Amino acid sequence: MGALGAVKPIFIKYYGFSDAERHALHTLFRLSESHRVVYAPWTAESPEAPHVVLIDGDSWEATLALANPLHDSFKLAWVGAGAPAGAWRVFASPVKWSALIEAMDEAFLPVTATALSLHLDLAHDADLDVHFDGNDDTAPMALKGVSPAAARRVLVVDAGRDERLYLRAKLSSAGLHEVDEAASGAEALELLRGSVYQLVIVDLGLTDMDSWQLLKAMDGMRPKTPHLFVTGSMQSWGQGARAWLSGAEVYLKKPLDPEKLKILLQNI
């Protein structure tokens, strides 16, 4: 039986958003099935009223949604400018899904439960790498686009020297020879400010700073890195989902599977 059958879901009714944003939202719904708080899209067939009404303030549907008096008793999450005074939460557009999930976790996590937001590790029964998009979650994802060799520069960020050497060898065998290494977040930021990379591989075990802070800093840099892999020693829904929310295409559990890594690198 799936998580929806064992845990009472929090239903989300939403209005507006692009196809890509709706896809991201439904991916979060699916990932949350392993979470202590399960989120699901509200439909007319849902067994109860929605707990949250999520509105894209830039959509034509926003006015209609606000005019519905039935929505007055629900938590209103608004994305964009022009939020009504009674909004429960307001998020800038484009929405950062991690901020939305954190707000809902704070509101709906059972009081007796240990805090299990996306900032914390969650146990997962399956020892699988987390690949985002694609139809088969257990298979390596085909990455978008193949870039000219001259642009295929890579940055490996890992506190472990052996791990960096291992990745450099795998990158070289995939034809990726222009590789810079950083043993700390500070080194990585310095390199990122001075160079443009086609792929950045960030490990969550950095010792000088929180690896998530590095990923957040990368998210604000322009131009954006086309491909981002995140590695870590733990397999958990929390780690994988937060990596995806940070822009990663894949979260890989250590020790890295050489065949999966080979397939992924061939598509860079």
Protein backbone atom coordinates (compact mmCIF):
# COMPACT_ATOMS: atom_id res chain seq x y z
CA MET A 1 0.00 0.00 0.00
CA GLY A 2 1.35 3.45 -0.92
CA ALA A 3 1.89 6.32 1.44
CA LEU A 4 -1.44 7.88 0.49
CA GLY A 5 -3.16 4.81 1.91
CA ALA A 6 -1.26 4.96 5.19
CA VAL A 7 -0.89 8.68 5.85
CA LYS A 8 -3.70 11.19 5.59
CA PRO A 9 -2.69 13.58 2.80
CA ILE A 10 -2.77 17.35 2.84
CA PHE A 11 -4.77 18.40 -0.21
CA ILE A 12 -3.61 21.35 -2.30
CA LYS A 13 -5.98 23.16 -4.67
CA TYR A 14 -4.11 25.33 -7.14
CA TYR A 15 -4.91 27.89 -9.82
CA GLY A 16 -2.78 29.07 -12.70
CA PHE A 17 0.91 28.26 -13.23
CA SER A 18 2.69 27.17 -16.39
CA ASP A 19 2.88 23.58 -17.59
CA ALA A 20 6.47 23.39 -16.32
CA GLU A 21 5.47 24.71 -12.89
CA ARG A 22 2.57 22.27 -12.65
CA HIS A 23 4.92 19.44 -13.58
CA ALA A 24 7.27 20.52 -10.80
CA LEU A 25 4.37 20.70 -8.34
CA HIS A 26 3.16 17.20 -9.23
CA THR A 27 6.72 15.89 -8.92
CA LEU A 28 6.72 17.24 -5.37
CA PHE A 29 3.42 15.51 -4.69
CA ARG A 30 4.90 12.23 -5.86
CA LEU A 31 8.13 12.65 -3.88
CA SER A 32 6.20 13.48 -0.73
CA GLU A 33 4.70 9.99 -0.64
CA SER A 34 7.81 8.97 1.34
CA HIS A 35 7.53 11.99 3.63
CA ARG A 36 5.97 12.27 7.07
CA VAL A 37 3.63 14.88 5.56
CA VAL A 38 2.07 13.72 2.28
CA TYR A 39 0.82 16.35 -0.16
CA ALA A 40 -1.68 15.62 -2.92
CA PRO A 41 -3.56 17.66 -5.54
CA TRP A 42 -7.17 18.37 -4.59
CA THR A 43 -9.86 17.30 -7.07
CA ALA A 44 -13.63 17.18 -6.94
CA GLU A 45 -13.31 13.49 -6.02
CA SER A 46 -11.07 14.15 -3.00
CA PRO A 47 -12.56 12.88 0.28
CA GLU A 48 -12.29 16.26 2.00
CA ALA A 49 -11.87 19.97 1.38
CA PRO A 50 -8.46 21.34 0.42
CA HIS A 51 -6.14 22.40 3.21
CA VAL A 52 -4.29 24.96 1.08
CA VAL A 53 -5.36 27.03 -1.91
CA LEU A 54 -2.30 27.87 -4.00
CA ILE A 55 -2.77 30.73 -6.47
CA ASP A 56 -0.58 32.07 -9.25
CA GLY A 57 -1.25 35.79 -8.85
CA ASP A 58 -0.30 36.49 -12.47
CA SER A 59 -2.96 34.17 -13.89
CA TRP A 60 -6.46 35.07 -15.03
CA GLU A 61 -7.74 32.40 -12.65
CA ALA A 62 -6.52 34.33 -9.61
CA THR A 63 -9.46 36.76 -9.60
CA LEU A 64 -11.96 33.94 -9.93
CA ALA A 65 -10.34 32.01 -7.11
CA LEU A 66 -10.39 35.02 -4.78
CA ALA A 67 -14.05 35.66 -5.55
CA ASN A 68 -15.01 32.18 -4.37
CA PRO A 69 -16.27 32.56 -0.77
CA LEU A 70 -15.57 28.88 -0.10
CA HIS A 71 -11.86 29.68 -0.15
CA ASP A 72 -12.10 32.08 2.80
CA SER A 73 -11.71 29.27 5.32
CA PHE A 74 -8.60 27.73 3.72
CA LYS A 75 -4.94 28.69 3.97
CA LEU A 76 -4.19 30.89 0.97
CA ALA A 77 -0.70 30.66 -0.53
CA TRP A 78 -0.13 33.39 -3.09
CA VAL A 79 2.66 33.55 -5.68
CA GLY A 80 3.57 36.91 -7.17
CA ALA A 81 2.59 40.52 -6.60
CA GLY A 82 -0.79 41.85 -5.48
CA ALA A 83 -1.44 39.35 -2.70
CA PRO A 84 -4.64 39.90 -0.72
CA ALA A 85 -4.34 41.07 2.87
CA GLY A 86 -5.56 37.77 4.29
CA ALA A 87 -3.01 35.58 2.50
CA TRP A 88 -1.46 32.91 4.72
CA ARG A 89 1.86 32.94 2.85
CA VAL A 90 3.18 35.07 -0.03
CA PHE A 91 5.99 33.89 -2.30
CA ALA A 92 7.91 35.76 -4.98
CA SER A 93 7.49 34.69 -8.60
CA PRO A 94 8.85 32.43 -9.95
CA VAL A 95 8.01 30.37 -6.91
CA LYS A 96 10.74 28.56 -4.97
CA TRP A 97 9.07 25.23 -4.29
CA SER A 98 11.41 24.57 -1.37
CA ALA A 99 10.05 27.64 0.43
CA LEU A 100 6.47 26.50 -0.16
CA ILE A 101 7.12 22.98 1.14
CA GLU A 102 8.95 24.32 4.19
CA ALA A 103 6.00 26.58 5.03
CA MET A 104 3.52 23.73 4.65
CA ASP A 105 5.70 21.34 6.67
CA GLU A 106 5.81 23.90 9.45
CA ALA A 107 2.02 24.17 9.40
CA PHE A 108 1.07 20.51 9.00
CA LEU A 109 3.85 18.43 10.55
CA PRO A 110 2.37 16.55 13.52
CA VAL A 111 3.37 18.14 16.81
CA THR A 112 4.65 14.82 18.15
CA ALA A 113 6.84 14.15 15.15
CA THR A 114 10.48 15.06 14.80
CA ALA A 115 10.95 17.99 12.44
CA LEU A 116 11.29 16.47 8.99
CA SER A 117 11.36 19.38 6.61
CA LEU A 118 13.47 19.30 3.46
CA HIS A 119 16.39 20.58 5.52
CA LEU A 120 16.61 17.27 7.39
CA ASP A 121 17.36 13.70 6.43
CA LEU A 122 14.48 11.30 5.91
CA ALA A 123 14.78 7.53 5.93
CA HIS A 124 13.98 5.74 2.69
CA ASP A 125 13.52 2.03 2.21
CA ALA A 126 14.95 1.80 -1.30
CA ASP A 127 18.66 2.26 -1.91
CA LEU A 128 18.17 4.09 -5.19
CA ASP A 129 19.71 7.21 -6.64
CA VAL A 130 17.19 9.98 -7.17
CA HIS A 131 16.76 11.00 -10.79
CA PHE A 132 14.45 13.84 -11.66
CA ASP A 133 12.01 13.64 -14.57
CA GLY A 134 11.92 10.64 -16.86
CA ASN A 135 9.44 7.77 -16.67
CA ASP A 136 11.56 5.26 -14.77
CA ASP A 137 12.84 6.57 -11.47
CA THR A 138 15.22 3.64 -11.11
CA ALA A 139 17.03 4.28 -14.40
CA PRO A 140 19.63 6.97 -15.09
CA MET A 141 18.04 10.04 -16.61
CA ALA A 142 18.95 11.21 -20.09
CA LEU A 143 20.22 14.75 -19.64
CA LYS A 144 19.17 17.59 -21.89
CA GLY A 145 21.42 18.70 -24.69
CA VAL A 146 24.91 17.83 -25.85
CA SER A 147 27.36 20.71 -25.78
CA PRO A 148 30.46 21.30 -27.91
CA ALA A 149 33.60 19.82 -26.41
CA ALA A 150 35.11 23.27 -25.98
CA ALA A 151 32.32 24.26 -23.59
CA ARG A 152 32.35 21.07 -21.53
CA ARG A 153 34.23 22.31 -18.50
CA VAL A 154 33.50 20.64 -15.16
CA LEU A 155 33.86 21.63 -11.52
CA VAL A 156 34.08 18.92 -8.85
CA VAL A 157 33.37 20.12 -5.30
CA ASP A 158 34.18 17.51 -2.67
CA ALA A 159 36.14 17.64 0.59
CA GLY A 160 37.62 14.19 -0.08
CA ARG A 161 40.75 14.03 -2.24
CA ASP A 162 40.13 10.40 -3.22
CA GLU A 163 36.55 11.20 -4.25
CA ARG A 164 37.74 14.07 -6.42
CA LEU A 165 40.36 11.88 -8.10
CA TYR A 166 37.77 9.16 -8.72
CA LEU A 167 35.40 11.64 -10.36
CA ARG A 168 38.21 13.17 -12.41
CA ALA A 169 39.04 9.72 -13.77
CA LYS A 170 35.39 9.02 -14.64
CA LEU A 171 35.02 12.43 -16.26
CA SER A 172 38.15 11.88 -18.33
CA SER A 173 36.90 8.50 -19.56
CA ALA A 174 33.70 10.27 -20.69
CA GLY A 175 35.72 12.79 -22.69
CA LEU A 176 35.46 15.56 -20.09
CA HIS A 177 39.08 16.59 -19.62
CA GLU A 178 38.75 20.21 -18.49
CA VAL A 179 38.14 19.62 -14.79
CA ASP A 180 38.66 21.99 -11.88
CA GLU A 181 38.58 20.78 -8.28
CA ALA A 182 37.48 22.46 -5.06
CA ALA A 183 37.95 20.94 -1.63
CA SER A 184 35.75 23.54 0.06
CA GLY A 185 32.75 25.72 -0.58
CA ALA A 186 34.90 28.85 -0.48
CA GLU A 187 37.19 27.48 -3.21
CA ALA A 188 34.15 26.50 -5.27
CA LEU A 189 32.62 29.98 -5.05
CA GLU A 190 35.90 31.58 -6.14
CA LEU A 191 36.11 29.28 -9.16
CA LEU A 192 32.44 29.77 -10.04
CA ARG A 193 32.85 33.54 -10.03
CA GLY A 194 35.73 33.34 -12.49
CA SER A 195 34.67 30.53 -14.85
CA VAL A 196 31.64 29.12 -16.62
CA TYR A 197 31.03 25.39 -16.19
CA GLN A 198 28.91 23.00 -18.18
CA LEU A 199 28.65 20.62 -15.21
CA VAL A 200 29.16 21.11 -11.48
CA ILE A 201 29.20 18.13 -9.09
CA VAL A 202 28.65 19.14 -5.46
CA ASP A 203 29.00 16.79 -2.50
CA LEU A 204 26.90 17.41 0.60
CA GLY A 205 29.83 16.65 2.92
CA LEU A 206 31.67 19.97 2.71
CA THR A 207 33.34 20.94 5.98
CA ASP A 208 33.83 24.71 5.69
CA MET A 209 30.22 25.59 4.87
CA ASP A 210 26.79 24.09 4.44
CA SER A 211 26.67 22.55 0.97
CA TRP A 212 23.08 23.74 0.61
CA GLN A 213 24.30 27.32 1.01
CA LEU A 214 26.71 26.76 -1.86
CA LEU A 215 23.87 25.43 -4.02
CA LYS A 216 21.75 28.45 -3.07
CA ALA A 217 24.57 30.79 -4.08
CA MET A 218 24.92 28.97 -7.39
CA ASP A 219 21.21 29.41 -8.04
CA GLY A 220 21.69 33.17 -7.98
CA MET A 221 24.67 33.19 -10.36
CA ARG A 222 24.42 34.09 -14.03
CA PRO A 223 24.82 32.44 -16.40
CA LYS A 224 23.33 29.41 -14.74
CA THR A 225 25.19 26.11 -14.80
CA PRO A 226 23.47 23.87 -17.39
CA HIS A 227 24.04 20.63 -15.46
CA LEU A 228 24.24 20.05 -11.71
CA PHE A 229 24.77 16.75 -9.88
CA VAL A 230 24.57 16.41 -6.10
CA THR A 231 26.24 13.54 -4.25
CA GLY A 232 25.86 12.43 -0.65
CA SER A 233 26.43 9.56 1.72
CA MET A 234 22.78 9.22 2.68
CA GLN A 235 19.85 8.00 0.60
CA SER A 236 16.74 9.86 1.66
CA TRP A 237 13.69 11.51 0.23
CA GLY A 238 14.66 14.70 2.00
CA GLN A 239 18.12 14.84 0.44
CA GLY A 240 16.89 13.94 -3.03
CA ALA A 241 13.92 16.30 -3.03
CA ARG A 242 15.95 19.20 -1.72
CA ALA A 243 18.65 18.57 -4.33
CA TRP A 244 15.98 18.71 -7.04
CA LEU A 245 14.55 21.91 -5.58
CA SER A 246 18.07 23.36 -5.68
CA GLY A 247 18.28 22.76 -9.43
CA ALA A 248 20.03 19.37 -9.55
CA GLU A 249 19.29 16.92 -12.31
CA VAL A 250 20.27 13.96 -10.19
CA TYR A 251 21.11 13.06 -6.60
CA LEU A 252 23.66 10.23 -6.41
CA LYS A 253 24.31 8.23 -3.26
CA LYS A 254 27.89 7.34 -2.40
CA PRO A 255 29.60 5.08 -3.20
CA LEU A 256 28.75 6.15 -6.74
CA ASP A 257 27.50 3.54 -9.17
CA PRO A 258 30.08 3.65 -12.01
CA GLU A 259 27.66 2.47 -14.71
CA LYS A 260 24.99 5.04 -13.83
CA LEU A 261 27.62 7.76 -13.64
CA LYS A 262 29.00 6.71 -17.02
CA ILE A 263 25.59 6.96 -18.68
CA LEU A 264 24.90 10.35 -17.12
CA LEU A 265 28.26 11.78 -18.17
CA GLN A 266 27.86 10.57 -21.75
CA ASN A 267 24.95 13.00 -22.09
CA ILE A 268 26.85 16.09 -20.97
